[in-house]
């Protein structure tokens, strides 16, 4: 939003009062109203600046939070990167014999039970 000029608020107020039949002439009363309008316009402008800064900070923090959530909920890769010099055994796939054993867990536990005769 655009900032207010120093005299803009006072001019709008005096034109509004003039349409209602009240004219602000130069004097102590008009000067105090003009000073009040200046203070109010400065407060409004500072408020807008503060809101803009707060909005940018909130946007930064929100983007950081989204990034953290994305990192925590992203699917993990099947292979983890090993440290250099740690050996290549972690990166190699398992041998076919170990795959066959792991494909049927508990195969040894099922020993052939004697068949019952009828």
N, C-alpha and C. Protein backbone atom coordinates (compact mmCIF):
# COMPACT_ATOMS: atom_id res chain seq x y z
N UNK A 1 0.84 -1.17 0.00
CA UNK A 1 0.00 0.00 0.00
C UNK A 1 0.89 1.24 0.00
N UNK A 2 0.42 2.29 -0.63
CA UNK A 2 1.18 3.54 -0.70
C UNK A 2 1.17 4.23 0.65
N UNK A 3 2.26 4.94 0.92
CA UNK A 3 2.33 5.67 2.18
C UNK A 3 1.54 6.98 2.06
N UNK A 4 1.09 7.46 3.19
CA UNK A 4 0.32 8.71 3.23
C UNK A 4 1.27 9.90 3.27
N UNK A 5 0.89 10.96 2.58
CA UNK A 5 1.64 12.21 2.68
C UNK A 5 1.33 12.85 4.02
N UNK A 6 2.20 13.77 4.41
CA UNK A 6 2.05 14.39 5.72
C UNK A 6 0.74 15.17 5.84
N UNK A 7 0.38 15.90 4.80
CA UNK A 7 -0.83 16.75 4.85
C UNK A 7 -2.06 16.08 4.24
N UNK A 8 -1.90 14.90 3.69
CA UNK A 8 -3.02 14.26 2.98
C UNK A 8 -4.21 13.99 3.90
N UNK A 9 -3.95 13.48 5.06
CA UNK A 9 -5.02 13.16 5.99
C UNK A 9 -5.76 14.41 6.46
N UNK A 10 -4.99 15.47 6.73
CA UNK A 10 -5.60 16.72 7.18
C UNK A 10 -6.45 17.34 6.05
N UNK A 11 -5.94 17.31 4.83
CA UNK A 11 -6.68 17.87 3.69
C UNK A 11 -7.98 17.10 3.46
N UNK A 12 -7.92 15.78 3.55
CA UNK A 12 -9.14 14.98 3.38
C UNK A 12 -10.15 15.25 4.50
N UNK A 13 -9.66 15.39 5.72
CA UNK A 13 -10.54 15.69 6.84
C UNK A 13 -11.19 17.07 6.69
N UNK A 14 -10.39 18.07 6.29
CA UNK A 14 -10.95 19.42 6.15
C UNK A 14 -11.94 19.48 5.00
N UNK A 15 -11.69 18.77 3.90
CA UNK A 15 -12.66 18.77 2.79
C UNK A 15 -13.93 18.01 3.20
N UNK A 16 -13.78 16.94 3.98
CA UNK A 16 -14.96 16.22 4.45
C UNK A 16 -15.81 17.11 5.36
N UNK A 17 -15.14 17.81 6.30
CA UNK A 17 -15.87 18.70 7.21
C UNK A 17 -16.50 19.87 6.45
N UNK A 18 -15.85 20.33 5.40
CA UNK A 18 -16.39 21.43 4.61
C UNK A 18 -17.69 21.01 3.92
N UNK A 19 -17.76 19.74 3.46
CA UNK A 19 -19.01 19.27 2.83
C UNK A 19 -20.13 19.16 3.87
N UNK A 20 -19.77 19.02 5.12
CA UNK A 20 -20.76 18.94 6.20
C UNK A 20 -21.10 20.32 6.78
N UNK A 21 -20.46 21.35 6.27
CA UNK A 21 -20.77 22.69 6.73
C UNK A 21 -19.84 23.22 7.78
N UNK A 22 -18.73 22.55 8.04
CA UNK A 22 -17.77 23.01 9.05
C UNK A 22 -16.48 23.36 8.33
N UNK A 23 -16.04 24.61 8.50
CA UNK A 23 -14.80 25.02 7.85
C UNK A 23 -13.73 25.23 8.91
N UNK A 24 -12.56 24.60 8.67
CA UNK A 24 -11.43 24.76 9.59
C UNK A 24 -10.61 25.97 9.16
N UNK A 25 -10.64 27.03 9.94
CA UNK A 25 -9.85 28.22 9.66
C UNK A 25 -8.56 28.13 10.47
N UNK A 26 -7.57 28.90 10.02
CA UNK A 26 -6.28 28.90 10.74
C UNK A 26 -6.48 29.38 12.16
N UNK A 27 -5.93 28.66 13.09
CA UNK A 27 -6.04 29.00 14.51
C UNK A 27 -5.44 27.87 15.33
N UNK A 28 -5.53 28.01 16.63
CA UNK A 28 -4.93 27.00 17.51
C UNK A 28 -5.66 25.67 17.40
N UNK A 29 -6.99 25.72 17.24
CA UNK A 29 -7.75 24.48 17.13
C UNK A 29 -7.40 23.73 15.85
N UNK A 30 -7.31 24.46 14.74
CA UNK A 30 -6.96 23.84 13.46
C UNK A 30 -5.52 23.33 13.47
N UNK A 31 -4.63 24.04 14.13
CA UNK A 31 -3.23 23.61 14.21
C UNK A 31 -3.09 22.32 15.03
N UNK A 32 -3.85 22.21 16.11
CA UNK A 32 -3.78 20.98 16.90
C UNK A 32 -4.38 19.80 16.12
N UNK A 33 -5.42 20.04 15.35
CA UNK A 33 -5.99 18.98 14.51
C UNK A 33 -4.98 18.59 13.43
N UNK A 34 -4.29 19.57 12.86
CA UNK A 34 -3.30 19.29 11.82
C UNK A 34 -2.13 18.49 12.40
N UNK A 35 -1.66 18.84 13.58
CA UNK A 35 -0.59 18.07 14.23
C UNK A 35 -1.03 16.64 14.52
N UNK A 36 -2.27 16.51 14.96
CA UNK A 36 -2.81 15.16 15.24
C UNK A 36 -2.88 14.34 13.96
N UNK A 37 -3.27 14.96 12.87
CA UNK A 37 -3.34 14.25 11.58
C UNK A 37 -1.95 13.85 11.11
N UNK A 38 -0.95 14.71 11.36
CA UNK A 38 0.43 14.37 11.00
C UNK A 38 0.90 13.16 11.79
N UNK A 39 0.64 13.19 13.10
CA UNK A 39 1.05 12.05 13.94
C UNK A 39 0.35 10.77 13.51
N UNK A 40 -0.94 10.90 13.19
CA UNK A 40 -1.69 9.72 12.76
C UNK A 40 -1.17 9.18 11.44
N UNK A 41 -0.85 10.06 10.50
CA UNK A 41 -0.32 9.58 9.21
C UNK A 41 1.05 8.94 9.39
N UNK A 42 1.89 9.47 10.28
CA UNK A 42 3.18 8.84 10.56
C UNK A 42 3.00 7.47 11.20
N UNK A 43 2.05 7.36 12.12
CA UNK A 43 1.78 6.07 12.78
C UNK A 43 1.28 5.06 11.76
N UNK A 44 0.43 5.51 10.84
CA UNK A 44 -0.09 4.61 9.80
C UNK A 44 1.04 4.14 8.89
N UNK A 45 1.91 5.07 8.48
CA UNK A 45 3.03 4.70 7.60
C UNK A 45 3.99 3.74 8.30
N UNK A 46 4.29 4.01 9.57
CA UNK A 46 5.17 3.10 10.31
C UNK A 46 4.53 1.74 10.50
N UNK A 47 3.23 1.73 10.72
CA UNK A 47 2.52 0.46 10.84
C UNK A 47 2.59 -0.35 9.56
N UNK A 48 2.44 0.31 8.43
CA UNK A 48 2.54 -0.38 7.14
C UNK A 48 3.94 -0.95 6.92
N UNK A 49 4.96 -0.16 7.28
CA UNK A 49 6.33 -0.65 7.14
C UNK A 49 6.58 -1.86 8.03
N UNK A 50 6.06 -1.79 9.24
CA UNK A 50 6.24 -2.92 10.17
C UNK A 50 5.52 -4.16 9.68
N UNK A 51 4.33 -3.98 9.15
CA UNK A 51 3.60 -5.12 8.61
C UNK A 51 4.31 -5.73 7.41
N UNK A 52 4.90 -4.91 6.57
CA UNK A 52 5.64 -5.43 5.42
C UNK A 52 6.85 -6.24 5.87
N UNK A 53 7.58 -5.71 6.88
CA UNK A 53 8.73 -6.45 7.40
C UNK A 53 8.31 -7.76 8.06
N UNK A 54 7.22 -7.69 8.82
CA UNK A 54 6.73 -8.90 9.49
C UNK A 54 6.29 -9.93 8.46
N UNK A 55 5.66 -9.48 7.39
CA UNK A 55 5.20 -10.40 6.34
C UNK A 55 6.39 -11.10 5.68
N UNK A 56 7.46 -10.36 5.39
CA UNK A 56 8.63 -10.99 4.77
C UNK A 56 9.29 -11.99 5.72
N UNK A 57 9.35 -11.65 7.00
CA UNK A 57 9.94 -12.57 7.99
C UNK A 57 9.09 -13.83 8.14
N UNK A 58 7.78 -13.65 8.16
CA UNK A 58 6.88 -14.81 8.28
C UNK A 58 7.01 -15.69 7.05
N UNK A 59 7.12 -15.06 5.86
CA UNK A 59 7.28 -15.84 4.64
C UNK A 59 8.58 -16.64 4.66
N UNK A 60 9.66 -16.03 5.17
CA UNK A 60 10.94 -16.75 5.28
C UNK A 60 10.80 -17.96 6.21
N UNK A 61 10.23 -17.73 7.38
CA UNK A 61 10.09 -18.81 8.37
C UNK A 61 9.16 -19.90 7.85
N UNK A 62 8.11 -19.50 7.15
CA UNK A 62 7.18 -20.48 6.60
C UNK A 62 7.87 -21.33 5.53
N UNK A 63 8.69 -20.71 4.71
CA UNK A 63 9.42 -21.46 3.69
C UNK A 63 10.42 -22.42 4.33
N UNK A 64 11.08 -21.99 5.42
CA UNK A 64 11.99 -22.88 6.14
C UNK A 64 11.22 -24.07 6.73
N UNK A 65 10.05 -23.80 7.28
CA UNK A 65 9.25 -24.86 7.85
C UNK A 65 8.79 -25.84 6.77
N UNK A 66 8.39 -25.33 5.62
CA UNK A 66 8.00 -26.21 4.51
C UNK A 66 9.16 -27.08 4.08
N UNK A 67 10.36 -26.49 4.03
CA UNK A 67 11.53 -27.26 3.62
C UNK A 67 11.83 -28.37 4.61
N UNK A 68 11.73 -28.07 5.90
CA UNK A 68 11.99 -29.10 6.93
C UNK A 68 10.96 -30.21 6.82
N UNK A 69 9.69 -29.85 6.64
CA UNK A 69 8.65 -30.87 6.50
C UNK A 69 8.90 -31.71 5.27
N UNK A 70 9.31 -31.07 4.18
CA UNK A 70 9.59 -31.81 2.95
C UNK A 70 10.74 -32.78 3.15
N UNK A 71 11.79 -32.34 3.84
CA UNK A 71 12.93 -33.22 4.07
C UNK A 71 12.57 -34.38 4.98
N UNK A 72 11.73 -34.14 5.97
CA UNK A 72 11.37 -35.21 6.90
C UNK A 72 10.40 -36.21 6.29
N UNK A 73 9.54 -35.76 5.38
CA UNK A 73 8.53 -36.66 4.83
C UNK A 73 8.87 -37.18 3.45
N UNK A 74 9.99 -36.77 2.88
CA UNK A 74 10.39 -37.25 1.55
C UNK A 74 10.73 -38.73 1.63
N UNK A 75 10.41 -39.49 0.58
CA UNK A 75 10.77 -40.91 0.59
C UNK A 75 12.28 -41.07 0.56
N UNK A 76 12.75 -42.04 1.28
CA UNK A 76 14.19 -42.27 1.38
C UNK A 76 14.64 -43.08 0.16
N UNK A 77 15.88 -42.85 -0.25
CA UNK A 77 16.43 -43.59 -1.38
C UNK A 77 16.77 -45.01 -0.91
N UNK A 78 16.72 -46.00 -1.81
CA UNK A 78 16.97 -47.38 -1.39
C UNK A 78 18.42 -47.60 -0.94
N UNK A 79 19.37 -46.89 -1.51
CA UNK A 79 20.77 -47.04 -1.11
C UNK A 79 21.21 -45.77 -0.43
N UNK A 80 21.88 -45.93 0.69
CA UNK A 80 22.41 -44.76 1.38
C UNK A 80 23.82 -44.53 0.91
N UNK A 81 24.24 -43.32 0.84
CA UNK A 81 25.59 -43.00 0.41
C UNK A 81 26.55 -43.37 1.52
N UNK A 82 27.59 -44.12 1.15
CA UNK A 82 28.56 -44.52 2.17
C UNK A 82 29.65 -43.47 2.25
N UNK A 83 30.30 -43.42 3.39
CA UNK A 83 31.37 -42.47 3.60
C UNK A 83 32.57 -42.89 2.76
N UNK A 84 33.38 -41.94 2.29
CA UNK A 84 34.55 -42.30 1.49
C UNK A 84 35.54 -43.12 2.31
N UNK A 85 36.03 -44.19 1.71
CA UNK A 85 37.00 -45.04 2.39
C UNK A 85 36.36 -46.06 3.32
N UNK A 86 35.04 -46.08 3.37
CA UNK A 86 34.38 -47.00 4.28
C UNK A 86 34.27 -48.39 3.67
N UNK A 87 34.58 -48.51 2.40
CA UNK A 87 34.47 -49.81 1.75
C UNK A 87 33.26 -49.83 0.84
N UNK A 88 33.34 -50.66 -0.17
CA UNK A 88 32.24 -50.69 -1.13
C UNK A 88 31.28 -51.83 -0.84
N UNK A 89 31.43 -52.51 0.27
CA UNK A 89 30.57 -53.64 0.59
C UNK A 89 29.14 -53.17 0.84
N UNK A 90 28.97 -51.97 1.36
CA UNK A 90 27.63 -51.48 1.66
C UNK A 90 26.88 -51.13 0.38
N UNK A 91 27.60 -50.76 -0.66
CA UNK A 91 26.94 -50.35 -1.89
C UNK A 91 26.65 -51.52 -2.81
N UNK A 92 27.30 -52.68 -2.59
CA UNK A 92 27.09 -53.83 -3.46
C UNK A 92 25.79 -54.53 -3.10
N UNK A 93 25.07 -55.03 -4.12
CA UNK A 93 23.86 -55.79 -3.81
C UNK A 93 24.22 -57.15 -3.23
N UNK A 94 23.30 -57.74 -2.52
CA UNK A 94 23.52 -59.04 -1.90
C UNK A 94 23.64 -60.11 -2.97
N UNK A 95 24.34 -61.18 -2.65
CA UNK A 95 24.53 -62.25 -3.63
C UNK A 95 23.23 -63.01 -3.85
N UNK A 96 23.19 -63.78 -4.91
CA UNK A 96 21.95 -64.48 -5.25
C UNK A 96 21.63 -65.57 -4.24
N UNK A 97 22.64 -66.14 -3.60
CA UNK A 97 22.35 -67.18 -2.61
C UNK A 97 21.71 -66.59 -1.37
N UNK A 98 22.15 -65.41 -0.98
CA UNK A 98 21.53 -64.82 0.20
C UNK A 98 20.12 -64.34 -0.13
N UNK A 99 19.87 -63.95 -1.39
CA UNK A 99 18.52 -63.57 -1.79
C UNK A 99 17.59 -64.76 -1.73
N UNK A 100 18.07 -65.90 -2.14
CA UNK A 100 17.22 -67.09 -2.14
C UNK A 100 16.87 -67.47 -0.71
N UNK A 101 17.83 -67.35 0.18
CA UNK A 101 17.54 -67.69 1.58
C UNK A 101 16.58 -66.69 2.19
N UNK A 102 16.78 -65.42 1.87
CA UNK A 102 15.93 -64.42 2.49
C UNK A 102 14.56 -64.38 1.84
N UNK A 103 14.43 -64.94 0.64
CA UNK A 103 13.12 -64.94 -0.03
C UNK A 103 12.15 -65.86 0.69
N UNK A 104 12.68 -66.91 1.32
CA UNK A 104 11.81 -67.85 2.03
C UNK A 104 12.23 -67.90 3.49
N UNK A 105 11.88 -66.90 4.26
CA UNK A 105 12.27 -66.96 5.67
C UNK A 105 11.50 -68.06 6.38
N UNK A 106 12.17 -68.73 7.24
CA UNK A 106 11.54 -69.79 8.00
C UNK A 106 11.42 -71.10 7.23
N UNK A 107 12.10 -71.21 6.09
CA UNK A 107 12.03 -72.44 5.30
C UNK A 107 12.68 -73.60 6.06
N UNK A 108 13.71 -73.32 6.80
CA UNK A 108 14.36 -74.37 7.58
C UNK A 108 13.52 -74.75 8.79
N UNK A 109 12.76 -73.80 9.28
CA UNK A 109 11.96 -74.08 10.46
C UNK A 109 10.86 -75.08 10.15
N UNK A 110 10.47 -75.14 8.90
CA UNK A 110 9.41 -76.08 8.53
C UNK A 110 10.04 -77.41 8.11
N UNK A 111 10.39 -78.17 9.06
CA UNK A 111 10.93 -79.50 8.74
C UNK A 111 9.79 -80.39 8.32
N UNK A 112 10.11 -81.37 7.52
CA UNK A 112 9.05 -82.25 7.05
C UNK A 112 8.49 -83.04 8.21
N UNK A 113 7.23 -82.85 8.38
CA UNK A 113 6.56 -83.59 9.46
C UNK A 113 6.13 -84.94 8.92
N UNK A 114 6.19 -85.95 9.76
CA UNK A 114 5.75 -87.27 9.29
C UNK A 114 4.27 -87.25 8.95
N UNK A 115 3.94 -87.88 7.84
CA UNK A 115 2.56 -87.91 7.41
C UNK A 115 1.80 -88.92 8.25
N UNK A 116 0.63 -88.56 8.58
CA UNK A 116 -0.22 -89.46 9.37
C UNK A 116 -0.95 -90.39 8.41
N UNK A 117 -1.01 -91.62 8.80
CA UNK A 117 -1.70 -92.61 7.95
C UNK A 117 -3.11 -92.73 8.44
N UNK A 118 -3.96 -92.95 7.54
CA UNK A 118 -5.36 -93.10 7.91
C UNK A 118 -5.77 -94.51 8.01
